[in-house]
Protein backbone atom coordinates (compact mmCIF):
# COMPACT_ATOMS: atom_id res chain seq x y z
CA MET A 1 17.80 3.37 -57.64
CA LYS A 2 14.24 3.41 -57.84
CA LYS A 3 13.96 2.12 -61.01
CA ILE A 4 16.21 -0.64 -60.36
CA PHE A 5 13.98 -1.68 -57.79
CA SER A 6 10.90 -1.37 -59.91
CA VAL A 7 12.41 -3.50 -62.82
CA VAL A 8 13.60 -6.15 -60.66
CA PHE A 9 10.13 -5.97 -58.83
CA PHE A 10 8.31 -6.41 -61.89
CA ILE A 11 10.38 -9.53 -63.03
CA SER A 12 10.21 -11.13 -60.13
CA MET A 13 6.25 -10.75 -60.18
CA PHE A 14 6.16 -11.94 -63.68
CA LEU A 15 8.56 -14.98 -63.19
CA LEU A 16 6.06 -15.68 -60.05
CA GLY A 17 3.04 -15.48 -62.17
CA ILE A 18 4.64 -18.03 -64.91
CA ALA A 19 5.91 -20.34 -61.85
CA GLN A 20 1.83 -20.99 -61.18
CA ASP A 21 1.64 -23.30 -64.39
CA LYS A 22 0.87 -26.98 -63.81
CA GLU A 23 2.82 -28.87 -66.21
CA ALA A 24 6.71 -27.79 -66.87
CA ASP A 25 8.75 -29.15 -69.63
CA THR A 26 12.31 -29.34 -67.76
CA SER A 27 14.15 -29.00 -71.00
CA SER A 28 13.00 -25.52 -71.65
CA LEU A 29 14.79 -21.95 -71.16
CA ARG A 30 11.30 -20.89 -69.45
CA HIS A 31 12.15 -24.15 -66.51
CA ALA A 32 15.63 -22.72 -66.33
CA LEU A 33 14.48 -19.48 -65.36
CA LEU A 34 12.29 -20.74 -63.09
CA LYS A 35 14.51 -22.88 -61.08
CA GLY A 36 16.71 -19.94 -60.81
CA SER A 37 17.84 -18.69 -57.21
CA LEU A 38 17.84 -15.15 -56.03
CA ASP A 39 19.98 -14.15 -53.21
CA LEU A 40 20.03 -11.12 -51.24
CA HIS A 41 22.51 -9.83 -48.34
CA PHE A 42 23.05 -6.67 -46.46
CA ARG A 43 26.26 -5.05 -44.80
CA LEU A 44 26.82 -2.65 -42.36
CA TYR A 45 30.16 -1.23 -41.99
CA TYR A 46 32.22 0.90 -39.51
CA MET A 47 35.62 2.59 -39.55
CA THR A 48 37.70 4.35 -37.28
CA THR A 49 41.11 5.47 -37.00
CA GLN A 50 43.00 6.71 -33.67
CA ASN A 51 45.84 8.81 -34.25
CA ALA A 52 48.76 10.18 -32.50
CA PRO A 53 47.35 13.17 -30.09
CA ASP A 54 48.29 16.08 -32.56
CA LEU A 55 46.30 14.38 -35.85
CA SER A 56 43.03 14.12 -36.49
CA ASP A 57 40.87 11.01 -35.71
CA TYR A 58 37.95 9.90 -38.55
CA HIS A 59 35.22 7.73 -38.64
CA ALA A 60 32.91 6.55 -41.33
CA TRP A 61 29.49 4.28 -40.92
CA ALA A 62 28.45 2.26 -44.51
CA PHE A 63 25.39 0.36 -45.10
CA GLY A 64 24.82 -1.51 -48.44
CA GLY A 65 22.91 -4.43 -49.88
CA GLY A 66 23.35 -6.70 -52.72
CA MET A 67 21.42 -9.08 -54.89
CA THR A 68 22.18 -11.84 -57.42
CA TYR A 69 20.06 -13.94 -59.38
CA GLU A 70 21.35 -17.23 -61.29
CA THR A 71 19.36 -19.33 -63.56
CA GLY A 72 18.96 -23.22 -63.36
CA LYS A 73 21.06 -25.26 -65.75
CA PHE A 74 19.81 -24.86 -69.74
CA LYS A 75 21.79 -27.50 -71.83
CA GLY A 76 25.29 -27.28 -69.64
CA PHE A 77 24.80 -23.74 -69.09
CA GLN A 78 24.22 -21.10 -66.35
CA PHE A 79 23.71 -17.62 -66.31
CA GLY A 80 23.48 -14.95 -63.56
CA VAL A 81 23.47 -11.20 -62.61
CA GLY A 82 24.33 -9.10 -59.68
CA GLY A 83 24.72 -6.15 -58.26
CA PHE A 84 25.85 -4.19 -55.20
CA LEU A 85 24.55 -0.48 -53.92
CA PHE A 86 25.81 1.33 -50.65
CA THR A 87 25.69 4.47 -48.99
CA VAL A 88 28.06 6.23 -46.50
CA MET A 89 25.88 7.46 -43.47
């Protein structure tokens, strides 16, 4: 997980560095990458069972997060990549 976070962090820092260029060619792949969008979301989930008195009751907590990146349009195409990680507490 640390490797994934590190790779995403360095890619985003690289793209932010490129974004500081003054002149942009709107028909280039570079422009499409810079005009992409990054979406982050987190989830917390709780589940419980309420069984008959002679059966066991169970409960669980889970926490997760997801990240998605979509490029801007380039010659009518758009590319996206995403993932989701979770852990049971």
